[in-house]
Amino acid sequence: MTDVTHEELGPVGQEIVFENDRVRVWHIRLEPGERQPLHRHDHPYLVVAIQGAKNVVQTVDGTRIDADEPTGGVVYRDPGAVHMLTNVGDTTYLARLVELK
């Protein structure tokens, strides 16, 4: 499963809410138990948790990473990751993901 093409990957979020030549902003909403499909981050990005949740990241090679994201938290990530995000908590997860072009 390590050789993944773009055709097999889902989008970074559910909806693009803003885009210009410098940034692209995605809306992400995951209900408890819901999963964002396998996707690739081609740009560095920030995640801003509007409503935090207990999430798990599963990488394309099967590594599982606990990713508790508190409400109001902000994280920066380098490009290149291919993973899925699952809300394993009992609250709705809402976030904006800001890709830096």
N, C-alpha and C. Protein backbone atom coordinates (compact mmCIF):
# COMPACT_ATOMS: atom_id res chain seq x y z
N MET A 1 0.82 -1.20 0.00
CA MET A 1 0.00 0.00 0.00
C MET A 1 0.85 1.26 0.00
N THR A 2 2.17 1.14 -0.15
CA THR A 2 3.03 2.30 -0.11
C THR A 2 3.12 3.03 -1.44
N ASP A 3 2.76 2.38 -2.55
CA ASP A 3 2.80 3.02 -3.85
C ASP A 3 1.38 3.48 -4.20
N VAL A 4 1.05 4.71 -3.82
CA VAL A 4 -0.31 5.22 -3.97
C VAL A 4 -0.31 6.32 -5.02
N THR A 5 -1.23 6.23 -5.98
CA THR A 5 -1.35 7.27 -6.99
C THR A 5 -2.41 8.29 -6.56
N HIS A 6 -2.37 9.46 -7.18
CA HIS A 6 -3.35 10.50 -6.85
C HIS A 6 -4.79 10.04 -7.09
N GLU A 7 -4.99 9.14 -8.09
CA GLU A 7 -6.34 8.67 -8.39
C GLU A 7 -6.95 7.89 -7.23
N GLU A 8 -6.11 7.28 -6.40
CA GLU A 8 -6.60 6.48 -5.28
C GLU A 8 -6.81 7.32 -4.02
N LEU A 9 -6.42 8.58 -4.07
CA LEU A 9 -6.47 9.43 -2.88
C LEU A 9 -7.71 10.31 -2.87
N GLY A 10 -8.18 10.60 -1.67
CA GLY A 10 -9.30 11.52 -1.51
C GLY A 10 -8.79 12.95 -1.34
N PRO A 11 -9.71 13.89 -1.21
CA PRO A 11 -9.33 15.28 -0.99
C PRO A 11 -8.83 15.50 0.43
N VAL A 12 -8.12 16.59 0.64
CA VAL A 12 -7.57 16.95 1.95
C VAL A 12 -8.70 17.26 2.95
N GLY A 13 -9.79 17.85 2.46
CA GLY A 13 -10.94 18.18 3.30
C GLY A 13 -12.22 18.00 2.53
N GLN A 14 -13.33 18.38 3.14
CA GLN A 14 -14.61 18.20 2.46
C GLN A 14 -14.94 19.33 1.48
N GLU A 15 -14.43 20.53 1.74
CA GLU A 15 -14.80 21.67 0.91
C GLU A 15 -13.71 22.73 0.98
N ILE A 16 -13.39 23.34 -0.17
CA ILE A 16 -12.49 24.48 -0.19
C ILE A 16 -13.33 25.72 0.11
N VAL A 17 -12.98 26.44 1.18
CA VAL A 17 -13.75 27.62 1.58
C VAL A 17 -13.10 28.93 1.16
N PHE A 18 -11.81 28.86 0.77
CA PHE A 18 -11.10 30.04 0.28
C PHE A 18 -9.88 29.57 -0.47
N GLU A 19 -9.55 30.27 -1.58
CA GLU A 19 -8.33 29.96 -2.30
C GLU A 19 -7.87 31.18 -3.08
N ASN A 20 -6.54 31.41 -3.04
CA ASN A 20 -5.93 32.39 -3.92
C ASN A 20 -4.58 31.83 -4.34
N ASP A 21 -3.68 32.67 -4.87
CA ASP A 21 -2.41 32.16 -5.37
C ASP A 21 -1.43 31.79 -4.27
N ARG A 22 -1.74 32.08 -3.00
CA ARG A 22 -0.82 31.80 -1.90
C ARG A 22 -1.32 30.73 -0.92
N VAL A 23 -2.64 30.62 -0.76
CA VAL A 23 -3.19 29.67 0.21
C VAL A 23 -4.44 29.00 -0.34
N ARG A 24 -4.74 27.83 0.23
CA ARG A 24 -6.01 27.14 -0.01
C ARG A 24 -6.52 26.73 1.37
N VAL A 25 -7.78 27.05 1.67
CA VAL A 25 -8.34 26.75 2.99
C VAL A 25 -9.45 25.71 2.83
N TRP A 26 -9.30 24.60 3.55
CA TRP A 26 -10.26 23.50 3.53
C TRP A 26 -11.10 23.50 4.79
N HIS A 27 -12.36 23.15 4.66
CA HIS A 27 -13.25 22.86 5.79
C HIS A 27 -13.19 21.36 6.04
N ILE A 28 -13.02 21.00 7.31
CA ILE A 28 -13.03 19.58 7.70
C ILE A 28 -14.02 19.41 8.84
N ARG A 29 -14.90 18.45 8.70
CA ARG A 29 -15.86 18.10 9.75
C ARG A 29 -15.93 16.58 9.82
N LEU A 30 -15.66 16.05 11.01
CA LEU A 30 -15.76 14.61 11.22
C LEU A 30 -16.61 14.36 12.45
N GLU A 31 -17.69 13.62 12.26
CA GLU A 31 -18.51 13.20 13.39
C GLU A 31 -17.78 12.08 14.12
N PRO A 32 -18.14 11.78 15.37
CA PRO A 32 -17.51 10.67 16.08
C PRO A 32 -17.56 9.39 15.23
N GLY A 33 -16.41 8.75 15.08
CA GLY A 33 -16.32 7.52 14.29
C GLY A 33 -16.10 7.75 12.81
N GLU A 34 -16.22 8.97 12.34
CA GLU A 34 -16.08 9.26 10.91
C GLU A 34 -14.60 9.40 10.53
N ARG A 35 -14.28 9.06 9.28
CA ARG A 35 -12.90 9.07 8.79
C ARG A 35 -12.77 9.93 7.54
N GLN A 36 -11.72 10.71 7.50
CA GLN A 36 -11.31 11.42 6.29
C GLN A 36 -10.53 10.42 5.45
N PRO A 37 -10.83 10.24 4.17
CA PRO A 37 -10.17 9.20 3.38
C PRO A 37 -8.67 9.45 3.24
N LEU A 38 -7.98 8.42 2.79
CA LEU A 38 -6.55 8.52 2.53
C LEU A 38 -6.30 9.68 1.57
N HIS A 39 -5.38 10.55 1.96
CA HIS A 39 -5.08 11.74 1.15
C HIS A 39 -3.62 12.12 1.32
N ARG A 40 -3.13 12.94 0.40
CA ARG A 40 -1.74 13.39 0.42
C ARG A 40 -1.70 14.91 0.60
N HIS A 41 -0.73 15.35 1.39
CA HIS A 41 -0.50 16.79 1.58
C HIS A 41 0.69 17.19 0.72
N ASP A 42 0.41 17.88 -0.38
CA ASP A 42 1.45 18.31 -1.31
C ASP A 42 2.07 19.65 -0.92
N HIS A 43 1.46 20.34 0.04
CA HIS A 43 1.94 21.66 0.48
C HIS A 43 2.10 21.65 2.00
N PRO A 44 3.00 22.51 2.53
CA PRO A 44 3.00 22.68 3.98
C PRO A 44 1.64 23.24 4.39
N TYR A 45 1.23 22.95 5.65
CA TYR A 45 -0.11 23.38 6.05
C TYR A 45 -0.22 23.60 7.55
N LEU A 46 -1.24 24.36 7.91
CA LEU A 46 -1.65 24.59 9.28
C LEU A 46 -3.02 23.99 9.47
N VAL A 47 -3.26 23.39 10.64
CA VAL A 47 -4.60 22.93 11.01
C VAL A 47 -5.05 23.75 12.20
N VAL A 48 -6.20 24.38 12.07
CA VAL A 48 -6.79 25.17 13.16
C VAL A 48 -8.05 24.43 13.62
N ALA A 49 -8.03 23.93 14.85
CA ALA A 49 -9.18 23.19 15.38
C ALA A 49 -10.21 24.17 15.90
N ILE A 50 -11.34 24.27 15.21
CA ILE A 50 -12.43 25.14 15.63
C ILE A 50 -13.21 24.48 16.77
N GLN A 51 -13.41 23.19 16.63
CA GLN A 51 -14.00 22.36 17.69
C GLN A 51 -13.15 21.10 17.77
N GLY A 52 -12.42 20.97 18.85
CA GLY A 52 -11.45 19.89 18.98
C GLY A 52 -12.09 18.52 19.17
N ALA A 53 -11.26 17.51 18.99
CA ALA A 53 -11.70 16.11 19.16
C ALA A 53 -10.47 15.24 19.36
N LYS A 54 -10.73 14.01 19.73
CA LYS A 54 -9.68 13.00 19.86
C LYS A 54 -9.59 12.28 18.52
N ASN A 55 -8.50 12.51 17.80
CA ASN A 55 -8.32 11.94 16.47
C ASN A 55 -7.16 10.97 16.44
N VAL A 56 -7.18 10.12 15.42
CA VAL A 56 -6.07 9.21 15.16
C VAL A 56 -5.68 9.37 13.70
N VAL A 57 -4.39 9.52 13.46
CA VAL A 57 -3.83 9.56 12.11
C VAL A 57 -3.27 8.18 11.81
N GLN A 58 -3.64 7.63 10.66
CA GLN A 58 -3.04 6.37 10.21
C GLN A 58 -2.32 6.66 8.90
N THR A 59 -1.00 6.45 8.90
CA THR A 59 -0.20 6.73 7.72
C THR A 59 -0.35 5.62 6.69
N VAL A 60 0.12 5.91 5.49
CA VAL A 60 0.00 4.96 4.39
C VAL A 60 0.75 3.67 4.69
N ASP A 61 1.78 3.72 5.54
CA ASP A 61 2.52 2.51 5.89
C ASP A 61 1.95 1.80 7.12
N GLY A 62 0.81 2.30 7.64
CA GLY A 62 0.13 1.61 8.73
C GLY A 62 0.44 2.14 10.11
N THR A 63 1.31 3.13 10.22
CA THR A 63 1.62 3.72 11.53
C THR A 63 0.41 4.45 12.07
N ARG A 64 0.12 4.25 13.36
CA ARG A 64 -1.02 4.90 14.02
C ARG A 64 -0.49 5.95 14.98
N ILE A 65 -0.99 7.18 14.85
CA ILE A 65 -0.53 8.30 15.67
C ILE A 65 -1.73 8.93 16.35
N ASP A 66 -1.72 8.97 17.69
CA ASP A 66 -2.78 9.67 18.41
C ASP A 66 -2.61 11.17 18.17
N ALA A 67 -3.71 11.83 17.82
CA ALA A 67 -3.66 13.25 17.48
C ALA A 67 -4.81 13.97 18.18
N ASP A 68 -4.69 14.12 19.49
CA ASP A 68 -5.70 14.91 20.21
C ASP A 68 -5.56 16.36 19.78
N GLU A 69 -6.66 16.94 19.34
CA GLU A 69 -6.64 18.32 18.87
C GLU A 69 -7.60 19.15 19.70
N PRO A 70 -7.07 19.95 20.62
CA PRO A 70 -7.95 20.75 21.48
C PRO A 70 -8.57 21.91 20.70
N THR A 71 -9.75 22.32 21.13
CA THR A 71 -10.42 23.47 20.53
C THR A 71 -9.49 24.68 20.59
N GLY A 72 -9.32 25.35 19.45
CA GLY A 72 -8.45 26.52 19.37
C GLY A 72 -7.00 26.18 19.09
N GLY A 73 -6.66 24.90 19.08
CA GLY A 73 -5.27 24.50 18.83
C GLY A 73 -4.88 24.71 17.37
N VAL A 74 -3.60 24.98 17.16
CA VAL A 74 -3.05 25.16 15.82
C VAL A 74 -1.79 24.31 15.71
N VAL A 75 -1.68 23.54 14.63
CA VAL A 75 -0.47 22.76 14.37
C VAL A 75 0.02 23.04 12.96
N TYR A 76 1.34 23.00 12.79
CA TYR A 76 1.98 23.14 11.48
C TYR A 76 2.52 21.78 11.08
N ARG A 77 2.37 21.44 9.80
CA ARG A 77 2.89 20.18 9.28
C ARG A 77 3.62 20.43 7.96
N ASP A 78 4.73 19.72 7.78
CA ASP A 78 5.45 19.77 6.51
C ASP A 78 4.70 18.97 5.45
N PRO A 79 4.96 19.25 4.16
CA PRO A 79 4.29 18.51 3.09
C PRO A 79 4.80 17.08 2.99
N GLY A 80 4.07 16.26 2.24
CA GLY A 80 4.51 14.92 1.92
C GLY A 80 3.74 13.81 2.60
N ALA A 81 2.99 14.12 3.65
CA ALA A 81 2.28 13.07 4.38
C ALA A 81 1.16 12.47 3.53
N VAL A 82 1.02 11.14 3.63
CA VAL A 82 -0.11 10.43 3.05
C VAL A 82 -0.74 9.66 4.20
N HIS A 83 -1.98 10.03 4.54
CA HIS A 83 -2.61 9.42 5.72
C HIS A 83 -4.13 9.57 5.70
N MET A 84 -4.76 8.92 6.69
CA MET A 84 -6.20 9.06 6.95
C MET A 84 -6.33 9.66 8.34
N LEU A 85 -7.43 10.37 8.58
CA LEU A 85 -7.72 10.94 9.89
C LEU A 85 -9.06 10.39 10.34
N THR A 86 -9.11 9.85 11.56
CA THR A 86 -10.34 9.30 12.11
C THR A 86 -10.65 9.97 13.44
N ASN A 87 -11.89 10.41 13.61
CA ASN A 87 -12.35 10.96 14.88
C ASN A 87 -12.74 9.78 15.77
N VAL A 88 -11.91 9.48 16.77
CA VAL A 88 -12.18 8.35 17.66
C VAL A 88 -12.80 8.81 18.98
N GLY A 89 -13.08 10.11 19.08
CA GLY A 89 -13.68 10.65 20.30
C GLY A 89 -15.19 10.65 20.23
N ASP A 90 -15.80 11.41 21.14
CA ASP A 90 -17.27 11.46 21.20
C ASP A 90 -17.80 12.86 20.92
N THR A 91 -16.97 13.72 20.32
CA THR A 91 -17.40 15.06 19.93
C THR A 91 -17.15 15.26 18.44
N THR A 92 -17.92 16.16 17.83
CA THR A 92 -17.72 16.51 16.43
C THR A 92 -16.42 17.29 16.29
N TYR A 93 -15.62 16.95 15.28
CA TYR A 93 -14.38 17.66 15.00
C TYR A 93 -14.62 18.63 13.86
N LEU A 94 -14.31 19.90 14.09
CA LEU A 94 -14.40 20.94 13.07
C LEU A 94 -13.04 21.61 12.96
N ALA A 95 -12.55 21.77 11.74
CA ALA A 95 -11.24 22.41 11.57
C ALA A 95 -11.17 23.14 10.23
N ARG A 96 -10.21 24.05 10.16
CA ARG A 96 -9.80 24.67 8.90
C ARG A 96 -8.36 24.25 8.68
N LEU A 97 -8.10 23.73 7.49
CA LEU A 97 -6.75 23.35 7.11
C LEU A 97 -6.28 24.35 6.07
N VAL A 98 -5.19 25.03 6.36
CA VAL A 98 -4.67 26.09 5.49
C VAL A 98 -3.41 25.59 4.80
N GLU A 99 -3.52 25.33 3.51
CA GLU A 99 -2.35 24.92 2.72
C GLU A 99 -1.61 26.17 2.25
N LEU A 100 -0.29 26.15 2.41
CA LEU A 100 0.57 27.25 1.98
C LEU A 100 1.18 26.88 0.65
N LYS A 101 0.84 27.62 -0.40
CA LYS A 101 1.30 27.26 -1.74
C LYS A 101 2.71 27.78 -2.00
